[in-house]
């Protein structure tokens, strides 16, 4: 238990802020909505002052990340709601049968602004496309195609069947590094889940940070066909472990919510 309390933020993890607490609590709640008073109390649970959390909530509402409704309720909106959808895909990917074809997008638009370039890069990574070279994005055609985006007009799309697709996957994604980082996360989650299951409130903050890091890591899984992955690929292991960890984390948080409402 002491080990959990002394957990430090490590590479790939982010310290909790009022905004990240609000976002993480709502992202982990189904449906993603809670009374403002519980969101404020959540900040206090993580050592964040009430005023700081209220300011963050107001700023998030102004930015369109949450919206108020009913009697003092807030729910996710905007890009945070889209993030939830991407996280759901990471946790329960819907893969199509793969027949060797790849999707390719080549940027053909001219005179793009820096903002357009950044937006396109973000959109391609959200689609789990890998960048072979500047303006050339690829991935195996084994995922459901997302809705057409206005940024798609910046590209010409192709379907191709490359030779040496295993080498191509290794050039597009650093699969070994992702696999090694996954192993570390699995080890740390296994070492700390017991504190959550035992109802240790002191474990909530560090375990929240670890869970958020694991979920961000899952969104980096390229979701490749099995034969393109290195031996011992542990993506599904992390999905299974994350489900157990998140269940324990949310169970403890719900118990704390009920105590606050009581």
C-alpha atoms as a PDB file:
ATOM      1  CA  UNK A   1       0.000   0.000   0.000  1.00  0.00           C
ATOM      2  CA  UNK A   2       2.829   2.402   0.795  1.00  0.00           C
ATOM      3  CA  UNK A   3       4.306   1.575  -2.573  1.00  0.00           C
ATOM      4  CA  UNK A   4       1.164   2.909  -4.225  1.00  0.00           C
ATOM      5  CA  UNK A   5       1.196   6.134  -2.214  1.00  0.00           C
ATOM      6  CA  UNK A   6       4.780   6.860  -3.171  1.00  0.00           C
ATOM      7  CA  UNK A   7       4.253   6.222  -6.872  1.00  0.00           C
ATOM      8  CA  UNK A   8       5.848   9.032  -8.874  1.00  0.00           C
ATOM      9  CA  UNK A   9       4.782  10.376 -12.234  1.00  0.00           C
ATOM     10  CA  UNK A  10       7.061   8.710 -14.753  1.00  0.00           C
ATOM     11  CA  UNK A  11       7.690   9.125 -18.454  1.00  0.00           C
ATOM     12  CA  UNK A  12       4.413   9.032 -20.393  1.00  0.00           C
ATOM     13  CA  UNK A  13       2.396   9.995 -17.323  1.00  0.00           C
ATOM     14  CA  UNK A  14       1.018  13.416 -16.510  1.00  0.00           C
ATOM     15  CA  UNK A  15       0.499  14.996 -13.120  1.00  0.00           C
ATOM     16  CA  UNK A  16      -3.136  15.539 -12.200  1.00  0.00           C
ATOM     17  CA  UNK A  17      -4.557  19.005 -12.782  1.00  0.00           C
ATOM     18  CA  UNK A  18      -8.095  20.188 -12.082  1.00  0.00           C
ATOM     19  CA  UNK A  19      -8.923  19.856 -15.773  1.00  0.00           C
ATOM     20  CA  UNK A  20      -7.444  16.365 -16.064  1.00  0.00           C
ATOM     21  CA  UNK A  21      -9.349  15.196 -12.977  1.00  0.00           C
ATOM     22  CA  UNK A  22     -12.661  16.488 -14.391  1.00  0.00           C
ATOM     23  CA  UNK A  23     -11.951  15.008 -17.821  1.00  0.00           C
ATOM     24  CA  UNK A  24     -10.761  11.650 -16.468  1.00  0.00           C
ATOM     25  CA  UNK A  25     -13.683  11.276 -14.058  1.00  0.00           C
ATOM     26  CA  UNK A  26     -16.207  12.021 -16.822  1.00  0.00           C
ATOM     27  CA  UNK A  27     -14.382   9.877 -19.396  1.00  0.00           C
ATOM     28  CA  UNK A  28     -14.630   6.959 -16.980  1.00  0.00           C
ATOM     29  CA  UNK A  29     -18.313   7.483 -16.156  1.00  0.00           C
ATOM     30  CA  UNK A  30     -21.192   5.990 -18.179  1.00  0.00           C
ATOM     31  CA  UNK A  31     -22.982   8.087 -19.287  1.00  0.00           C
ATOM     32  CA  UNK A  32     -20.229  10.736 -19.058  1.00  0.00           C
ATOM     33  CA  UNK A  33     -22.130  13.183 -16.854  1.00  0.00           C
ATOM     34  CA  UNK A  34     -22.076  14.132 -13.154  1.00  0.00           C
ATOM     35  CA  UNK A  35     -23.318  16.897 -10.843  1.00  0.00           C
ATOM     36  CA  UNK A  36     -20.936  19.839 -10.539  1.00  0.00           C
ATOM     37  CA  UNK A  37     -20.678  19.321  -6.762  1.00  0.00           C
ATOM     38  CA  UNK A  38     -19.309  15.799  -7.242  1.00  0.00           C
ATOM     39  CA  UNK A  39     -16.809  16.987  -9.831  1.00  0.00           C
ATOM     40  CA  UNK A  40     -15.638  19.656  -7.388  1.00  0.00           C
ATOM     41  CA  UNK A  41     -15.372  17.129  -4.578  1.00  0.00           C
ATOM     42  CA  UNK A  42     -13.400  14.860  -6.901  1.00  0.00           C
ATOM     43  CA  UNK A  43     -10.803  17.591  -7.214  1.00  0.00           C
ATOM     44  CA  UNK A  44     -10.567  17.776  -3.419  1.00  0.00           C
ATOM     45  CA  UNK A  45     -10.019  14.022  -3.294  1.00  0.00           C
ATOM     46  CA  UNK A  46      -6.925  14.552  -5.438  1.00  0.00           C
ATOM     47  CA  UNK A  47      -5.662  17.466  -3.373  1.00  0.00           C
ATOM     48  CA  UNK A  48      -6.998  20.236  -5.632  1.00  0.00           C
ATOM     49  CA  UNK A  49      -8.745  23.199  -4.016  1.00  0.00           C
ATOM     50  CA  UNK A  50     -12.457  23.703  -4.656  1.00  0.00           C
ATOM     51  CA  UNK A  51     -11.934  27.116  -6.246  1.00  0.00           C
ATOM     52  CA  UNK A  52      -9.343  25.735  -8.647  1.00  0.00           C
ATOM     53  CA  UNK A  53     -11.687  22.979  -9.805  1.00  0.00           C
ATOM     54  CA  UNK A  54     -14.601  25.392 -10.244  1.00  0.00           C
ATOM     55  CA  UNK A  55     -12.440  27.676 -12.391  1.00  0.00           C
ATOM     56  CA  UNK A  56     -11.314  24.696 -14.495  1.00  0.00           C
ATOM     57  CA  UNK A  57     -14.919  23.565 -14.940  1.00  0.00           C
ATOM     58  CA  UNK A  58     -15.961  27.039 -16.106  1.00  0.00           C
ATOM     59  CA  UNK A  59     -13.057  27.197 -18.558  1.00  0.00           C
ATOM     60  CA  UNK A  60     -13.854  23.751 -19.925  1.00  0.00           C
ATOM     61  CA  UNK A  61     -17.476  24.809 -20.455  1.00  0.00           C
ATOM     62  CA  UNK A  62     -16.345  27.963 -22.258  1.00  0.00           C
ATOM     63  CA  UNK A  63     -14.038  25.865 -24.453  1.00  0.00           C
ATOM     64  CA  UNK A  64     -16.848  23.437 -25.350  1.00  0.00           C
ATOM     65  CA  UNK A  65     -15.221  20.472 -23.585  1.00  0.00           C
ATOM     66  CA  UNK A  66     -18.171  20.074 -21.214  1.00  0.00           C
ATOM     67  CA  UNK A  67     -21.687  21.436 -21.243  1.00  0.00           C
ATOM     68  CA  UNK A  68     -24.089  22.239 -18.424  1.00  0.00           C
ATOM     69  CA  UNK A  69     -27.607  20.795 -18.380  1.00  0.00           C
ATOM     70  CA  UNK A  70     -30.412  20.119 -15.942  1.00  0.00           C
ATOM     71  CA  UNK A  71     -29.925  21.110 -12.337  1.00  0.00           C
ATOM     72  CA  UNK A  72     -26.182  21.672 -11.962  1.00  0.00           C
ATOM     73  CA  UNK A  73     -25.127  18.732 -14.146  1.00  0.00           C
ATOM     74  CA  UNK A  74     -22.194  18.634 -16.555  1.00  0.00           C
ATOM     75  CA  UNK A  75     -21.453  16.210 -19.378  1.00  0.00           C
ATOM     76  CA  UNK A  76     -18.644  15.723 -21.861  1.00  0.00           C
ATOM     77  CA  UNK A  77     -18.876  17.447 -25.236  1.00  0.00           C
ATOM     78  CA  UNK A  78     -16.731  18.467 -28.189  1.00  0.00           C
ATOM     79  CA  UNK A  79     -13.319  16.939 -28.676  1.00  0.00           C
ATOM     80  CA  UNK A  80     -13.383  15.195 -25.280  1.00  0.00           C
ATOM     81  CA  UNK A  81     -16.437  13.235 -26.396  1.00  0.00           C
ATOM     82  CA  UNK A  82     -14.550  12.347 -29.584  1.00  0.00           C
ATOM     83  CA  UNK A  83     -11.608  11.244 -27.426  1.00  0.00           C
ATOM     84  CA  UNK A  84     -13.914   8.907 -25.542  1.00  0.00           C
ATOM     85  CA  UNK A  85     -14.913   7.304 -28.847  1.00  0.00           C
ATOM     86  CA  UNK A  86     -11.234   6.797 -29.755  1.00  0.00           C
ATOM     87  CA  UNK A  87     -10.558   5.314 -26.334  1.00  0.00           C
ATOM     88  CA  UNK A  88     -13.479   2.931 -26.778  1.00  0.00           C
ATOM     89  CA  UNK A  89     -11.987   1.823 -30.101  1.00  0.00           C
ATOM     90  CA  UNK A  90      -8.658   1.235 -28.362  1.00  0.00           C
ATOM     91  CA  UNK A  91     -10.262  -0.881 -25.668  1.00  0.00           C
ATOM     92  CA  UNK A  92     -12.598  -2.839 -27.952  1.00  0.00           C
ATOM     93  CA  UNK A  93     -11.260  -2.537 -31.498  1.00  0.00           C
ATOM     94  CA  UNK A  94     -13.574  -3.540 -34.308  1.00  0.00           C
ATOM     95  CA  UNK A  95     -11.280  -5.208 -36.828  1.00  0.00           C
ATOM     96  CA  UNK A  96     -12.290  -6.261 -40.323  1.00  0.00           C
ATOM     97  CA  UNK A  97     -10.968  -9.350 -42.099  1.00  0.00           C
ATOM     98  CA  UNK A  98      -7.753  -8.351 -43.822  1.00  0.00           C
ATOM     99  CA  UNK A  99      -6.876  -9.475 -47.347  1.00  0.00           C
ATOM    100  CA  UNK A 100      -3.488  -7.813 -47.727  1.00  0.00           C
ATOM    101  CA  UNK A 101      -4.615  -4.387 -48.932  1.00  0.00           C
ATOM    102  CA  UNK A 102      -3.410  -1.114 -47.425  1.00  0.00           C
ATOM    103  CA  UNK A 103      -5.028   2.321 -47.378  1.00  0.00           C
ATOM    104  CA  UNK A 104      -2.748   5.124 -48.512  1.00  0.00           C
ATOM    105  CA  UNK A 105      -3.242   8.876 -48.306  1.00  0.00           C
ATOM    106  CA  UNK A 106      -0.926  11.237 -50.166  1.00  0.00           C
ATOM    107  CA  UNK A 107      -1.152  14.954 -49.415  1.00  0.00           C
ATOM    108  CA  UNK A 108      -1.782  16.727 -52.718  1.00  0.00           C
ATOM    109  CA  UNK A 109      -3.227  20.074 -51.575  1.00  0.00           C
ATOM    110  CA  UNK A 110      -1.005  23.115 -51.983  1.00  0.00           C
ATOM    111  CA  UNK A 111      -0.653  26.220 -49.865  1.00  0.00           C
ATOM    112  CA  UNK A 112      -1.765  24.588 -46.617  1.00  0.00           C
ATOM    113  CA  UNK A 113      -1.511  26.622 -43.448  1.00  0.00           C
ATOM    114  CA  UNK A 114       0.480  25.395 -40.409  1.00  0.00           C
ATOM    115  CA  UNK A 115      -2.842  24.887 -38.614  1.00  0.00           C
ATOM    116  CA  UNK A 116      -4.119  22.685 -41.459  1.00  0.00           C
ATOM    117  CA  UNK A 117      -0.908  20.662 -41.414  1.00  0.00           C
ATOM    118  CA  UNK A 118      -1.171  20.095 -37.661  1.00  0.00           C
ATOM    119  CA  UNK A 119      -4.864  19.214 -37.885  1.00  0.00           C
ATOM    120  CA  UNK A 120      -4.247  16.696 -40.659  1.00  0.00           C
ATOM    121  CA  UNK A 121      -1.432  15.059 -38.699  1.00  0.00           C
ATOM    122  CA  UNK A 122      -3.690  14.751 -35.658  1.00  0.00           C
ATOM    123  CA  UNK A 123      -6.514  13.316 -37.756  1.00  0.00           C
ATOM    124  CA  UNK A 124      -4.239  10.751 -39.401  1.00  0.00           C
ATOM    125  CA  UNK A 125      -2.839   9.587 -36.075  1.00  0.00           C
ATOM    126  CA  UNK A 126      -6.383   9.299 -34.708  1.00  0.00           C
ATOM    127  CA  UNK A 127      -7.083   6.975 -37.652  1.00  0.00           C
ATOM    128  CA  UNK A 128      -3.963   5.008 -36.703  1.00  0.00           C
ATOM    129  CA  UNK A 129      -2.251   5.837 -39.981  1.00  0.00           C
ATOM    130  CA  UNK A 130       1.539   5.699 -40.056  1.00  0.00           C
ATOM    131  CA  UNK A 131       3.633   8.332 -41.858  1.00  0.00           C
ATOM    132  CA  UNK A 132       6.079   6.774 -44.303  1.00  0.00           C
ATOM    133  CA  UNK A 133       7.500  10.137 -45.323  1.00  0.00           C
ATOM    134  CA  UNK A 134       6.303  13.737 -45.302  1.00  0.00           C
ATOM    135  CA  UNK A 135       2.728  13.729 -46.618  1.00  0.00           C
ATOM    136  CA  UNK A 136       2.464   9.962 -47.215  1.00  0.00           C
ATOM    137  CA  UNK A 137       0.277   8.025 -44.738  1.00  0.00           C
ATOM    138  CA  UNK A 138      -0.430   4.273 -44.735  1.00  0.00           C
ATOM    139  CA  UNK A 139      -2.049   1.485 -42.750  1.00  0.00           C
ATOM    140  CA  UNK A 140      -3.447  -2.005 -43.397  1.00  0.00           C
ATOM    141  CA  UNK A 141      -7.085  -1.819 -44.444  1.00  0.00           C
ATOM    142  CA  UNK A 142      -8.431  -3.786 -41.467  1.00  0.00           C
ATOM    143  CA  UNK A 143     -10.333  -1.029 -39.609  1.00  0.00           C
ATOM    144  CA  UNK A 144     -13.757   0.405 -40.290  1.00  0.00           C
ATOM    145  CA  UNK A 145     -13.393   3.587 -42.331  1.00  0.00           C
ATOM    146  CA  UNK A 146     -14.173   6.703 -40.275  1.00  0.00           C
ATOM    147  CA  UNK A 147     -16.627   9.344 -41.524  1.00  0.00           C
ATOM    148  CA  UNK A 148     -15.238  11.574 -44.263  1.00  0.00           C
ATOM    149  CA  UNK A 149     -13.483  14.606 -42.810  1.00  0.00           C
ATOM    150  CA  UNK A 150     -13.071  17.957 -44.550  1.00  0.00           C
ATOM    151  CA  UNK A 151      -9.317  17.443 -44.206  1.00  0.00           C
ATOM    152  CA  UNK A 152      -9.624  14.452 -46.536  1.00  0.00           C
ATOM    153  CA  UNK A 153      -9.854  16.987 -49.354  1.00  0.00           C
ATOM    154  CA  UNK A 154      -6.167  17.695 -48.720  1.00  0.00           C
ATOM    155  CA  UNK A 155      -5.261  14.149 -49.767  1.00  0.00           C
ATOM    156  CA  UNK A 156      -5.633  11.685 -52.579  1.00  0.00           C
ATOM    157  CA  UNK A 157      -6.561   8.233 -51.249  1.00  0.00           C
ATOM    158  CA  UNK A 158      -5.438   4.897 -52.695  1.00  0.00           C
ATOM    159  CA  UNK A 159      -5.764   1.205 -52.028  1.00  0.00           C
ATOM    160  CA  UNK A 160      -2.506  -0.669 -52.525  1.00  0.00           C
ATOM    161  CA  UNK A 161      -0.934  -4.071 -51.958  1.00  0.00           C
ATOM    162  CA  UNK A 162       2.738  -3.478 -51.101  1.00  0.00           C
ATOM    163  CA  UNK A 163       5.457  -6.109 -51.069  1.00  0.00           C
ATOM    164  CA  UNK A 164       7.285  -6.796 -47.820  1.00  0.00           C
ATOM    165  CA  UNK A 165       4.440  -5.513 -45.662  1.00  0.00           C
ATOM    166  CA  UNK A 166       6.067  -6.772 -42.455  1.00  0.00           C
ATOM    167  CA  UNK A 167       9.078  -4.543 -43.058  1.00  0.00           C
ATOM    168  CA  UNK A 168       6.717  -1.704 -43.929  1.00  0.00           C
ATOM    169  CA  UNK A 169       4.882  -2.055 -40.598  1.00  0.00           C
ATOM    170  CA  UNK A 170       8.201  -1.881 -38.774  1.00  0.00           C
ATOM    171  CA  UNK A 171       9.123   1.286 -40.663  1.00  0.00           C
ATOM    172  CA  UNK A 172       5.820   2.988 -39.846  1.00  0.00           C
ATOM    173  CA  UNK A 173       5.544   2.093 -36.155  1.00  0.00           C
ATOM    174  CA  UNK A 174       8.122   1.443 -33.412  1.00  0.00           C
ATOM    175  CA  UNK A 175       6.450  -1.801 -32.418  1.00  0.00           C
ATOM    176  CA  UNK A 176       9.213  -3.090 -30.130  1.00  0.00           C
ATOM    177  CA  UNK A 177       9.258   0.080 -28.049  1.00  0.00           C
ATOM    178  CA  UNK A 178       5.477   0.012 -27.723  1.00  0.00           C
ATOM    179  CA  UNK A 179       5.649  -3.611 -26.655  1.00  0.00           C
ATOM    180  CA  UNK A 180       8.358  -2.904 -24.045  1.00  0.00           C
ATOM    181  CA  UNK A 181       6.405   0.038 -22.591  1.00  0.00           C
ATOM    182  CA  UNK A 182       3.320  -2.179 -22.410  1.00  0.00           C
ATOM    183  CA  UNK A 183       5.227  -4.742 -20.350  1.00  0.00           C
ATOM    184  CA  UNK A 184       6.180  -2.044 -17.820  1.00  0.00           C
ATOM    185  CA  UNK A 185       2.578  -0.843 -17.547  1.00  0.00           C
ATOM    186  CA  UNK A 186       1.322  -4.394 -17.043  1.00  0.00           C
ATOM    187  CA  UNK A 187       3.815  -4.925 -14.229  1.00  0.00           C
ATOM    188  CA  UNK A 188       2.900  -1.676 -12.463  1.00  0.00           C
ATOM    189  CA  UNK A 189      -0.835  -2.260 -12.781  1.00  0.00           C
ATOM    190  CA  UNK A 190      -0.501  -5.757 -11.356  1.00  0.00           C
ATOM    191  CA  UNK A 191       1.460  -4.346  -8.397  1.00  0.00           C
ATOM    192  CA  UNK A 192      -1.128  -1.674  -7.535  1.00  0.00           C
ATOM    193  CA  UNK A 193      -4.562  -3.106  -8.322  1.00  0.00           C
ATOM    194  CA  UNK A 194      -4.732  -4.747  -4.898  1.00  0.00           C
ATOM    195  CA  UNK A 195      -4.838  -1.363  -3.156  1.00  0.00           C
ATOM    196  CA  UNK A 196      -7.850  -0.343  -5.260  1.00  0.00           C
ATOM    197  CA  UNK A 197      -9.624  -3.612  -4.566  1.00  0.00           C
ATOM    198  CA  UNK A 198      -8.932  -3.170  -0.843  1.00  0.00           C
ATOM    199  CA  UNK A 199     -10.672   0.219  -0.895  1.00  0.00           C
ATOM    200  CA  UNK A 200      -7.581   2.313  -0.126  1.00  0.00           C
ATOM    201  CA  UNK A 201      -8.598   5.899  -0.936  1.00  0.00           C
ATOM    202  CA  UNK A 202      -4.956   6.997  -0.786  1.00  0.00           C
ATOM    203  CA  UNK A 203      -4.329   4.857  -3.864  1.00  0.00           C
ATOM    204  CA  UNK A 204      -6.843   6.721  -6.037  1.00  0.00           C
ATOM    205  CA  UNK A 205      -4.628   9.589  -7.198  1.00  0.00           C
ATOM    206  CA  UNK A 206      -1.515   7.590  -8.204  1.00  0.00           C
ATOM    207  CA  UNK A 207      -3.620   4.803  -9.684  1.00  0.00           C
ATOM    208  CA  UNK A 208      -5.667   7.365 -11.622  1.00  0.00           C
ATOM    209  CA  UNK A 209      -2.452   8.691 -13.167  1.00  0.00           C
ATOM    210  CA  UNK A 210      -1.301   5.176 -14.026  1.00  0.00           C
ATOM    211  CA  UNK A 211      -4.670   4.240 -15.551  1.00  0.00           C
ATOM    212  CA  UNK A 212      -4.647   7.393 -17.686  1.00  0.00           C
ATOM    213  CA  UNK A 213      -1.127   6.557 -18.900  1.00  0.00           C
ATOM    214  CA  UNK A 214      -2.208   3.022 -19.809  1.00  0.00           C
ATOM    215  CA  UNK A 215      -5.229   4.301 -21.739  1.00  0.00           C
ATOM    216  CA  UNK A 216      -3.127   6.853 -23.644  1.00  0.00           C
ATOM    217  CA  UNK A 217      -0.699   4.065 -24.463  1.00  0.00           C
ATOM    218  CA  UNK A 218      -3.532   1.917 -25.819  1.00  0.00           C
ATOM    219  CA  UNK A 219      -4.542   4.702 -28.208  1.00  0.00           C
ATOM    220  CA  UNK A 220      -1.065   4.291 -29.710  1.00  0.00           C
ATOM    221  CA  UNK A 221      -1.676   0.645 -30.616  1.00  0.00           C
ATOM    222  CA  UNK A 222      -1.768   0.631 -34.447  1.00  0.00           C
ATOM    223  CA  UNK A 223      -4.208  -2.329 -34.373  1.00  0.00           C
ATOM    224  CA  UNK A 224      -2.371  -4.254 -37.048  1.00  0.00           C
ATOM    225  CA  UNK A 225      -3.263  -7.666 -38.477  1.00  0.00           C
ATOM    226  CA  UNK A 226      -1.716 -10.448 -36.423  1.00  0.00           C
ATOM    227  CA  UNK A 227       0.918 -11.525 -38.923  1.00  0.00           C
ATOM    228  CA  UNK A 228       2.394  -7.998 -39.055  1.00  0.00           C
ATOM    229  CA  UNK A 229       3.023  -7.949 -35.297  1.00  0.00           C
ATOM    230  CA  UNK A 230       6.216  -9.082 -33.560  1.00  0.00           C
ATOM    231  CA  UNK A 231       6.185 -12.280 -31.513  1.00  0.00           C
ATOM    232  CA  UNK A 232       4.708 -11.937 -28.048  1.00  0.00           C
ATOM    233  CA  UNK A 233       2.627  -8.868 -28.897  1.00  0.00           C
ATOM    234  CA  UNK A 234       0.927  -7.815 -25.662  1.00  0.00           C
ATOM    235  CA  UNK A 235      -1.725  -5.352 -26.824  1.00  0.00           C
ATOM    236  CA  UNK A 236      -4.617  -7.646 -25.901  1.00  0.00           C
ATOM    237  CA  UNK A 237      -2.961  -8.370 -22.536  1.00  0.00           C
ATOM    238  CA  UNK A 238      -3.004  -4.648 -21.775  1.00  0.00           C
ATOM    239  CA  UNK A 239      -6.641  -4.326 -22.854  1.00  0.00           C
ATOM    240  CA  UNK A 240      -7.641  -7.143 -20.498  1.00  0.00           C
ATOM    241  CA  UNK A 241      -5.560  -5.763 -17.627  1.00  0.00           C
ATOM    242  CA  UNK A 242      -6.847  -2.239 -18.180  1.00  0.00           C
ATOM    243  CA  UNK A 243     -10.467  -3.406 -18.026  1.00  0.00           C
ATOM    244  CA  UNK A 244      -9.808  -5.017 -14.634  1.00  0.00           C
ATOM    245  CA  UNK A 245      -7.874  -2.019 -13.371  1.00  0.00           C
ATOM    246  CA  UNK A 246     -10.469   0.486 -14.552  1.00  0.00           C
ATOM    247  CA  UNK A 247     -13.239  -1.582 -12.981  1.00  0.00           C
ATOM    248  CA  UNK A 248     -11.454  -1.549  -9.622  1.00  0.00           C
ATOM    249  CA  UNK A 249     -10.675   2.163  -9.919  1.00  0.00           C
ATOM    250  CA  UNK A 250     -14.191   3.176 -10.874  1.00  0.00           C
ATOM    251  CA  UNK A 251     -15.661   0.879  -8.233  1.00  0.00           C
ATOM    252  CA  UNK A 252     -13.705   2.654  -5.507  1.00  0.00           C
ATOM    253  CA  UNK A 253     -14.589   6.046  -6.961  1.00  0.00           C
ATOM    254  CA  UNK A 254     -18.300   5.146  -7.100  1.00  0.00           C
ATOM    255  CA  UNK A 255     -18.189   4.041  -3.474  1.00  0.00           C
ATOM    256  CA  UNK A 256     -16.692   7.394  -2.572  1.00  0.00           C
ATOM    257  CA  UNK A 257     -19.377   9.194  -4.635  1.00  0.00           C
ATOM    258  CA  UNK A 258     -22.147   7.310  -2.819  1.00  0.00           C
ATOM    259  CA  UNK A 259     -20.629   8.286   0.517  1.00  0.00           C
ATOM    260  CA  UNK A 260     -20.602  11.939  -0.550  1.00  0.00           C
ATOM    261  CA  UNK A 261     -24.225  11.808  -1.682  1.00  0.00           C
ATOM    262  CA  UNK A 262     -25.304   9.991   1.481  1.00  0.00           C
END
